[in-house]
PDB file of all heavy atoms in Angstrom:
ATOM      1  N   ASN A   1      -0.538   0.080   5.854  1.00  0.00           N
ATOM      2  CA  ASN A   1      -0.564   0.171   4.380  1.00  0.00           C
ATOM      3  C   ASN A   1      -1.556  -0.765   3.708  1.00  0.00           C
ATOM      4  O   ASN A   1      -1.678  -0.747   2.479  1.00  0.00           O
ATOM      5  CB  ASN A   1       0.849  -0.082   3.803  1.00  0.00           C
ATOM      6  CG  ASN A   1       1.348  -1.498   4.023  1.00  0.00           C
ATOM      7  OD1 ASN A   1       0.645  -2.367   4.557  1.00  0.00           O
ATOM      8  ND2 ASN A   1       2.594  -1.752   3.621  1.00  0.00           N
ATOM      9  N   ILE A   2      -2.274  -1.576   4.485  1.00  0.00           N
ATOM     10  CA  ILE A   2      -3.144  -2.577   3.867  1.00  0.00           C
ATOM     11  C   ILE A   2      -4.274  -1.942   3.066  1.00  0.00           C
ATOM     12  O   ILE A   2      -4.765  -2.522   2.087  1.00  0.00           O
ATOM     13  CB  ILE A   2      -3.695  -3.554   4.931  1.00  0.00           C
ATOM     14  CG1 ILE A   2      -4.273  -4.800   4.238  1.00  0.00           C
ATOM     15  CG2 ILE A   2      -4.697  -2.890   5.858  1.00  0.00           C
ATOM     16  CD1 ILE A   2      -4.562  -5.951   5.184  1.00  0.00           C
ATOM     17  N   GLU A   3      -4.677  -0.735   3.455  1.00  0.00           N
ATOM     18  CA  GLU A   3      -5.737  -0.046   2.698  1.00  0.00           C
ATOM     19  C   GLU A   3      -5.248   0.384   1.323  1.00  0.00           C
ATOM     20  O   GLU A   3      -6.049   0.724   0.450  1.00  0.00           O
ATOM     21  CB  GLU A   3      -6.221   1.169   3.482  1.00  0.00           C
ATOM     22  CG  GLU A   3      -6.762   0.875   4.869  1.00  0.00           C
ATOM     23  CD  GLU A   3      -8.171   0.284   4.860  1.00  0.00           C
ATOM     24  OE1 GLU A   3      -8.738   0.141   3.757  1.00  0.00           O
ATOM     25  OE2 GLU A   3      -8.684  -0.058   5.937  1.00  0.00           O
ATOM     26  N   GLN A   4      -3.928   0.369   1.116  1.00  0.00           N
ATOM     27  CA  GLN A   4      -3.338   0.751  -0.177  1.00  0.00           C
ATOM     28  C   GLN A   4      -3.110  -0.443  -1.099  1.00  0.00           C
ATOM     29  O   GLN A   4      -2.483  -0.290  -2.148  1.00  0.00           O
ATOM     30  CB  GLN A   4      -1.978   1.411   0.039  1.00  0.00           C
ATOM     31  CG  GLN A   4      -1.968   2.729   0.752  1.00  0.00           C
ATOM     32  CD  GLN A   4      -0.558   3.338   0.751  1.00  0.00           C
ATOM     33  OE1 GLN A   4       0.418   2.712   0.333  1.00  0.00           O
ATOM     34  NE2 GLN A   4      -0.441   4.560   1.226  1.00  0.00           N
ATOM     35  N   ILE A   5      -3.619  -1.604  -0.754  1.00  0.00           N
ATOM     36  CA  ILE A   5      -3.176  -2.809  -1.463  1.00  0.00           C
ATOM     37  C   ILE A   5      -3.469  -2.745  -2.962  1.00  0.00           C
ATOM     38  O   ILE A   5      -2.672  -3.220  -3.781  1.00  0.00           O
ATOM     39  CB  ILE A   5      -3.789  -4.074  -0.823  1.00  0.00           C
ATOM     40  CG1 ILE A   5      -3.029  -5.322  -1.327  1.00  0.00           C
ATOM     41  CG2 ILE A   5      -5.281  -4.166  -1.048  1.00  0.00           C
ATOM     42  CD1 ILE A   5      -3.236  -6.548  -0.468  1.00  0.00           C
ATOM     43  N   ARG A   6      -4.552  -2.113  -3.355  1.00  0.00           N
ATOM     44  CA  ARG A   6      -4.829  -1.971  -4.802  1.00  0.00           C
ATOM     45  C   ARG A   6      -3.784  -1.066  -5.450  1.00  0.00           C
ATOM     46  O   ARG A   6      -3.267  -1.360  -6.523  1.00  0.00           O
ATOM     47  CB  ARG A   6      -6.240  -1.427  -5.034  1.00  0.00           C
ATOM     48  CG  ARG A   6      -6.603  -1.341  -6.519  1.00  0.00           C
ATOM     49  CD  ARG A   6      -8.038  -0.880  -6.708  1.00  0.00           C
ATOM     50  NE  ARG A   6      -8.989  -1.843  -6.188  1.00  0.00           N
ATOM     51  CZ  ARG A   6      -9.413  -2.926  -6.847  1.00  0.00           C
ATOM     52  NH1 ARG A   6      -8.935  -3.190  -8.059  1.00  0.00           N
ATOM     53  NH2 ARG A   6     -10.293  -3.735  -6.293  1.00  0.00           N
ATOM     54  N   ASP A   7      -3.470   0.035  -4.786  1.00  0.00           N
ATOM     55  CA  ASP A   7      -2.459   0.948  -5.323  1.00  0.00           C
ATOM     56  C   ASP A   7      -1.084   0.296  -5.332  1.00  0.00           C
ATOM     57  O   ASP A   7      -0.286   0.521  -6.258  1.00  0.00           O
ATOM     58  CB  ASP A   7      -2.403   2.236  -4.488  1.00  0.00           C
ATOM     59  CG  ASP A   7      -3.647   3.081  -4.630  1.00  0.00           C
ATOM     60  OD1 ASP A   7      -4.324   2.950  -5.670  1.00  0.00           O
ATOM     61  OD2 ASP A   7      -3.955   3.838  -3.701  1.00  0.00           O
ATOM     62  N   ILE A   8      -0.800  -0.522  -4.324  1.00  0.00           N
ATOM     63  CA  ILE A   8       0.468  -1.247  -4.283  1.00  0.00           C
ATOM     64  C   ILE A   8       0.577  -2.180  -5.482  1.00  0.00           C
ATOM     65  O   ILE A   8       1.609  -2.228  -6.160  1.00  0.00           O
ATOM     66  CB  ILE A   8       0.603  -2.031  -2.954  1.00  0.00           C
ATOM     67  CG1 ILE A   8       0.866  -1.074  -1.789  1.00  0.00           C
ATOM     68  CG2 ILE A   8       1.704  -3.088  -3.048  1.00  0.00           C
ATOM     69  CD1 ILE A   8       0.773  -1.723  -0.420  1.00  0.00           C
ATOM     70  N   LEU A   9      -0.488  -2.906  -5.745  1.00  0.00           N
ATOM     71  CA  LEU A   9      -0.456  -3.838  -6.872  1.00  0.00           C
ATOM     72  C   LEU A   9      -0.395  -3.101  -8.203  1.00  0.00           C
ATOM     73  O   LEU A   9       0.250  -3.561  -9.146  1.00  0.00           O
ATOM     74  CB  LEU A   9      -1.661  -4.773  -6.812  1.00  0.00           C
ATOM     75  CG  LEU A   9      -1.543  -5.848  -5.713  1.00  0.00           C
ATOM     76  CD1 LEU A   9      -2.881  -6.502  -5.436  1.00  0.00           C
ATOM     77  CD2 LEU A   9      -0.512  -6.888  -6.106  1.00  0.00           C
ATOM     78  N   GLU A  10      -1.044  -1.951  -8.291  1.00  0.00           N
ATOM     79  CA  GLU A  10      -0.940  -1.137  -9.511  1.00  0.00           C
ATOM     80  C   GLU A  10       0.505  -0.668  -9.711  1.00  0.00           C
ATOM     81  O   GLU A  10       1.001  -0.606 -10.838  1.00  0.00           O
ATOM     82  CB  GLU A  10      -1.878   0.060  -9.437  1.00  0.00           C
ATOM     83  CG  GLU A  10      -3.301  -0.238  -9.853  1.00  0.00           C
ATOM     84  CD  GLU A  10      -3.406  -0.724 -11.294  1.00  0.00           C
ATOM     85  OE1 GLU A  10      -2.688  -0.191 -12.171  1.00  0.00           O
ATOM     86  OE2 GLU A  10      -4.181  -1.664 -11.541  1.00  0.00           O
ATOM     87  N   MET A  11       1.193  -0.345  -8.608  1.00  0.00           N
ATOM     88  CA  MET A  11       2.595   0.052  -8.705  1.00  0.00           C
ATOM     89  C   MET A  11       3.449  -1.095  -9.241  1.00  0.00           C
ATOM     90  O   MET A  11       4.338  -0.889 -10.065  1.00  0.00           O
ATOM     91  CB  MET A  11       3.114   0.491  -7.337  1.00  0.00           C
ATOM     92  CG  MET A  11       4.594   0.880  -7.318  1.00  0.00           C
ATOM     93  SD  MET A  11       5.189   1.295  -5.649  1.00  0.00           S
ATOM     94  CE  MET A  11       5.219  -0.356  -4.887  1.00  0.00           C
ATOM     95  N   THR A  12       3.165  -2.314  -8.805  1.00  0.00           N
ATOM     96  CA  THR A  12       3.937  -3.460  -9.291  1.00  0.00           C
ATOM     97  C   THR A  12       3.680  -3.718 -10.771  1.00  0.00           C
ATOM     98  O   THR A  12       4.563  -4.153 -11.501  1.00  0.00           O
ATOM     99  CB  THR A  12       3.629  -4.732  -8.476  1.00  0.00           C
ATOM    100  OG1 THR A  12       2.301  -5.182  -8.717  1.00  0.00           O
ATOM    101  CG2 THR A  12       3.826  -4.490  -6.985  1.00  0.00           C
ATOM    102  N   VAL A  13       2.442  -3.428 -11.212  1.00  0.00           N
ATOM    103  CA  VAL A  13       2.133  -3.540 -12.650  1.00  0.00           C
ATOM    104  C   VAL A  13       2.920  -2.501 -13.427  1.00  0.00           C
ATOM    105  O   VAL A  13       3.508  -2.779 -14.482  1.00  0.00           O
ATOM    106  CB  VAL A  13       0.621  -3.394 -12.890  1.00  0.00           C
ATOM    107  CG1 VAL A  13       0.322  -3.339 -14.385  1.00  0.00           C
ATOM    108  CG2 VAL A  13      -0.148  -4.554 -12.239  1.00  0.00           C
ATOM    109  N   GLU A  14       2.925  -1.269 -12.907  1.00  0.00           N
ATOM    110  CA  GLU A  14       3.649  -0.171 -13.549  1.00  0.00           C
ATOM    111  C   GLU A  14       5.144  -0.500 -13.682  1.00  0.00           C
ATOM    112  O   GLU A  14       5.770  -0.196 -14.705  1.00  0.00           O
ATOM    113  CB  GLU A  14       3.490   1.100 -12.708  1.00  0.00           C
ATOM    114  CG  GLU A  14       4.358   2.273 -13.161  1.00  0.00           C
ATOM    115  CD  GLU A  14       4.580   3.290 -12.040  1.00  0.00           C
ATOM    116  OE1 GLU A  14       3.775   3.343 -11.106  1.00  0.00           O
ATOM    117  OE2 GLU A  14       5.586   4.039 -12.117  1.00  0.00           O
ATOM    118  N   LEU A  15       5.697  -1.146 -12.656  1.00  0.00           N
ATOM    119  CA  LEU A  15       7.127  -1.495 -12.670  1.00  0.00           C
ATOM    120  C   LEU A  15       7.416  -2.793 -13.420  1.00  0.00           C
ATOM    121  O   LEU A  15       8.558  -3.229 -13.508  1.00  0.00           O
ATOM    122  CB  LEU A  15       7.644  -1.578 -11.233  1.00  0.00           C
ATOM    123  CG  LEU A  15       7.679  -0.253 -10.469  1.00  0.00           C
ATOM    124  CD1 LEU A  15       8.014  -0.501  -9.001  1.00  0.00           C
ATOM    125  CD2 LEU A  15       8.683   0.708 -11.098  1.00  0.00           C
ATOM    126  N   ASN A  16       6.344  -3.420 -13.943  1.00  0.00           N
ATOM    127  CA  ASN A  16       6.490  -4.640 -14.741  1.00  0.00           C
ATOM    128  C   ASN A  16       7.141  -5.764 -13.940  1.00  0.00           C
ATOM    129  O   ASN A  16       8.059  -6.462 -14.408  1.00  0.00           O
ATOM    130  CB  ASN A  16       7.325  -4.348 -16.006  1.00  0.00           C
ATOM    131  CG  ASN A  16       7.148  -5.415 -17.079  1.00  0.00           C
ATOM    132  OD1 ASN A  16       6.168  -6.167 -17.069  1.00  0.00           O
ATOM    133  ND2 ASN A  16       8.095  -5.485 -18.003  1.00  0.00           N
ATOM    134  N   ALA A  17       6.638  -5.937 -12.714  1.00  0.00           N
ATOM    135  CA  ALA A  17       7.190  -6.967 -11.826  1.00  0.00           C
ATOM    136  C   ALA A  17       6.868  -8.364 -12.325  1.00  0.00           C
ATOM    137  O   ALA A  17       5.777  -8.623 -12.834  1.00  0.00           O
ATOM    138  CB  ALA A  17       6.643  -6.779 -10.408  1.00  0.00           C
ATOM    139  N   ASP A  18       7.848  -9.255 -12.174  1.00  0.00           N
ATOM    140  CA  ASP A  18       7.628 -10.670 -12.517  1.00  0.00           C
ATOM    141  C   ASP A  18       7.073 -11.441 -11.332  1.00  0.00           C
ATOM    142  O   ASP A  18       6.278 -12.363 -11.498  1.00  0.00           O
ATOM    143  CB  ASP A  18       8.945 -11.303 -12.967  1.00  0.00           C
ATOM    144  CG  ASP A  18       9.490 -10.644 -14.226  1.00  0.00           C
ATOM    145  OD1 ASP A  18       8.844 -10.767 -15.281  1.00  0.00           O
ATOM    146  OD2 ASP A  18      10.560  -9.992 -14.161  1.00  0.00           O
ATOM    147  N   TYR A  19       7.530 -11.075 -10.142  1.00  0.00           N
ATOM    148  CA  TYR A  19       7.095 -11.730  -8.911  1.00  0.00           C
ATOM    149  C   TYR A  19       6.789 -10.647  -7.883  1.00  0.00           C
ATOM    150  O   TYR A  19       7.562  -9.702  -7.693  1.00  0.00           O
ATOM    151  CB  TYR A  19       8.173 -12.651  -8.344  1.00  0.00           C
ATOM    152  CG  TYR A  19       8.579 -13.756  -9.286  1.00  0.00           C
ATOM    153  CD1 TYR A  19       9.642 -13.585 -10.156  1.00  0.00           C
ATOM    154  CD2 TYR A  19       7.899 -14.978  -9.307  1.00  0.00           C
ATOM    155  CE1 TYR A  19      10.032 -14.589 -11.037  1.00  0.00           C
ATOM    156  CE2 TYR A  19       8.265 -15.975 -10.183  1.00  0.00           C
ATOM    157  CZ  TYR A  19       9.348 -15.785 -11.040  1.00  0.00           C
ATOM    158  OH  TYR A  19       9.715 -16.785 -11.907  1.00  0.00           O
ATOM    159  N   VAL A  20       5.668 -10.809  -7.185  1.00  0.00           N
ATOM    160  CA  VAL A  20       5.277  -9.859  -6.149  1.00  0.00           C
ATOM    161  C   VAL A  20       4.959 -10.653  -4.889  1.00  0.00           C
ATOM    162  O   VAL A  20       4.123 -11.572  -4.907  1.00  0.00           O
ATOM    163  CB  VAL A  20       4.032  -9.048  -6.556  1.00  0.00           C
ATOM    164  CG1 VAL A  20       3.609  -8.114  -5.421  1.00  0.00           C
ATOM    165  CG2 VAL A  20       4.312  -8.260  -7.834  1.00  0.00           C
ATOM    166  N   GLU A  21       5.622 -10.302  -3.806  1.00  0.00           N
ATOM    167  CA  GLU A  21       5.335 -10.929  -2.523  1.00  0.00           C
ATOM    168  C   GLU A  21       4.677  -9.903  -1.620  1.00  0.00           C
ATOM    169  O   GLU A  21       5.318  -8.949  -1.169  1.00  0.00           O
ATOM    170  CB  GLU A  21       6.611 -11.475  -1.871  1.00  0.00           C
ATOM    171  CG  GLU A  21       6.328 -12.200  -0.566  1.00  0.00           C
ATOM    172  CD  GLU A  21       7.566 -12.787   0.084  1.00  0.00           C
ATOM    173  OE1 GLU A  21       8.657 -12.615  -0.480  1.00  0.00           O
ATOM    174  OE2 GLU A  21       7.421 -13.400   1.145  1.00  0.00           O
ATOM    175  N   LEU A  22       3.392 -10.089  -1.395  1.00  0.00           N
ATOM    176  CA  LEU A  22       2.671  -9.275  -0.415  1.00  0.00           C
ATOM    177  C   LEU A  22       2.849 -10.002   0.916  1.00  0.00           C
ATOM    178  O   LEU A  22       2.081 -10.880   1.287  1.00  0.00           O
ATOM    179  CB  LEU A  22       1.198  -9.159  -0.799  1.00  0.00           C
ATOM    180  CG  LEU A  22       0.921  -8.516  -2.162  1.00  0.00           C
ATOM    181  CD1 LEU A  22      -0.570  -8.624  -2.507  1.00  0.00           C
ATOM    182  CD2 LEU A  22       1.377  -7.059  -2.191  1.00  0.00           C
ATOM    183  N   ALA A  23       3.898  -9.647   1.599  1.00  0.00           N
ATOM    184  CA  ALA A  23       4.351 -10.413   2.769  1.00  0.00           C
ATOM    185  C   ALA A  23       3.668  -9.886   4.020  1.00  0.00           C
ATOM    186  O   ALA A  23       4.055  -8.830   4.554  1.00  0.00           O
ATOM    187  CB  ALA A  23       5.878 -10.310   2.899  1.00  0.00           C
ATOM    188  N   SER A  24       2.655 -10.591   4.489  1.00  0.00           N
ATOM    189  CA  SER A  24       2.033 -10.189   5.743  1.00  0.00           C
ATOM    190  C   SER A  24       3.078 -10.165   6.853  1.00  0.00           C
ATOM    191  O   SER A  24       3.902 -11.080   6.972  1.00  0.00           O
ATOM    192  CB  SER A  24       0.905 -11.172   6.104  1.00  0.00           C
ATOM    193  OG  SER A  24      -0.161 -11.051   5.196  1.00  0.00           O
ATOM    194  N   THR A  25       3.051  -9.104   7.637  1.00  0.00           N
ATOM    195  CA  THR A  25       4.023  -8.957   8.707  1.00  0.00           C
ATOM    196  C   THR A  25       4.018 -10.178   9.612  1.00  0.00           C
ATOM    197  O   THR A  25       2.969 -10.677  10.020  1.00  0.00           O
ATOM    198  CB  THR A  25       3.679  -7.704   9.556  1.00  0.00           C
ATOM    199  OG1 THR A  25       3.724  -6.562   8.707  1.00  0.00           O
ATOM    200  CG2 THR A  25       4.671  -7.517  10.693  1.00  0.00           C
ATOM    201  N   GLN A  26       5.211 -10.674   9.894  1.00  0.00           N
ATOM    202  CA  GLN A  26       5.383 -11.727  10.889  1.00  0.00           C
ATOM    203  C   GLN A  26       5.791 -11.054  12.186  1.00  0.00           C
ATOM    204  O   GLN A  26       6.774 -10.308  12.217  1.00  0.00           O
ATOM    205  CB  GLN A  26       6.446 -12.727  10.428  1.00  0.00           C
ATOM    206  CG  GLN A  26       6.108 -13.451   9.132  1.00  0.00           C
ATOM    207  CD  GLN A  26       4.876 -14.326   9.258  1.00  0.00           C
ATOM    208  OE1 GLN A  26       4.776 -15.179  10.146  1.00  0.00           O
ATOM    209  NE2 GLN A  26       3.917 -14.128   8.361  1.00  0.00           N
ATOM    210  N   TYR A  27       5.046 -11.299  13.247  1.00  0.00           N
ATOM    211  CA  TYR A  27       5.198 -10.482  14.450  1.00  0.00           C
ATOM    212  C   TYR A  27       6.272 -11.022  15.399  1.00  0.00           C
ATOM    213  O   TYR A  27       6.002 -11.607  16.444  1.00  0.00           O
ATOM    214  CB  TYR A  27       3.837 -10.310  15.126  1.00  0.00           C
ATOM    215  CG  TYR A  27       2.944  -9.494  14.227  1.00  0.00           C
ATOM    216  CD1 TYR A  27       2.070 -10.099  13.342  1.00  0.00           C
ATOM    217  CD2 TYR A  27       3.060  -8.112  14.192  1.00  0.00           C
ATOM    218  CE1 TYR A  27       1.295  -9.342  12.468  1.00  0.00           C
ATOM    219  CE2 TYR A  27       2.299  -7.335  13.321  1.00  0.00           C
ATOM    220  CZ  TYR A  27       1.423  -7.967  12.457  1.00  0.00           C
ATOM    221  OH  TYR A  27       0.690  -7.209  11.579  1.00  0.00           O
ATOM    222  N   TYR A  28       7.507 -10.779  14.964  1.00  0.00           N
ATOM    223  CA  TYR A  28       8.703 -11.073  15.737  1.00  0.00           C
ATOM    224  C   TYR A  28       9.536  -9.794  15.811  1.00  0.00           C
ATOM    225  O   TYR A  28       9.369  -8.874  15.007  1.00  0.00           O
ATOM    226  CB  TYR A  28       9.531 -12.160  15.075  1.00  0.00           C
ATOM    227  CG  TYR A  28       8.788 -13.405  14.695  1.00  0.00           C
ATOM    228  CD1 TYR A  28       8.353 -13.610  13.397  1.00  0.00           C
ATOM    229  CD2 TYR A  28       8.520 -14.388  15.649  1.00  0.00           C
ATOM    230  CE1 TYR A  28       7.655 -14.755  13.038  1.00  0.00           C
ATOM    231  CE2 TYR A  28       7.815 -15.531  15.302  1.00  0.00           C
ATOM    232  CZ  TYR A  28       7.397 -15.717  14.001  1.00  0.00           C
ATOM    233  OH  TYR A  28       6.708 -16.846  13.665  1.00  0.00           O
ATOM    234  N   GLY A  29      10.481  -9.745  16.712  1.00  0.00           N
ATOM    235  CA  GLY A  29      11.388  -8.612  16.757  1.00  0.00           C
ATOM    236  C   GLY A  29      10.668  -7.295  16.900  1.00  0.00           C
ATOM    237  O   GLY A  29       9.790  -7.114  17.755  1.00  0.00           O
ATOM    238  N   TRP A  30      10.990  -6.354  16.014  1.00  0.00           N
ATOM    239  CA  TRP A  30      10.422  -5.007  16.098  1.00  0.00           C
ATOM    240  C   TRP A  30       8.930  -4.994  15.828  1.00  0.00           C
ATOM    241  O   TRP A  30       8.193  -4.200  16.429  1.00  0.00           O
ATOM    242  CB  TRP A  30      11.162  -4.087  15.118  1.00  0.00           C
ATOM    243  CG  TRP A  30      12.594  -3.928  15.500  1.00  0.00           C
ATOM    244  CD1 TRP A  30      13.636  -4.749  15.148  1.00  0.00           C
ATOM    245  CD2 TRP A  30      13.157  -2.942  16.359  1.00  0.00           C
ATOM    246  NE1 TRP A  30      14.805  -4.323  15.731  1.00  0.00           N
ATOM    247  CE2 TRP A  30      14.550  -3.201  16.467  1.00  0.00           C
ATOM    248  CE3 TRP A  30      12.635  -1.846  17.033  1.00  0.00           C
ATOM    249  CZ2 TRP A  30      15.404  -2.426  17.235  1.00  0.00           C
ATOM    250  CZ3 TRP A  30      13.482  -1.047  17.803  1.00  0.00           C
ATOM    251  CH2 TRP A  30      14.853  -1.346  17.897  1.00  0.00           C
TER     252      TRP A  30
END
């Protein structure tokens, strides 16, 4: 999904988010 990051951020703007965590995957478990 990293190629969508602009669209992801636009979605958070649309939803009027106060906090956005673009959480890079931590490679544990699955």
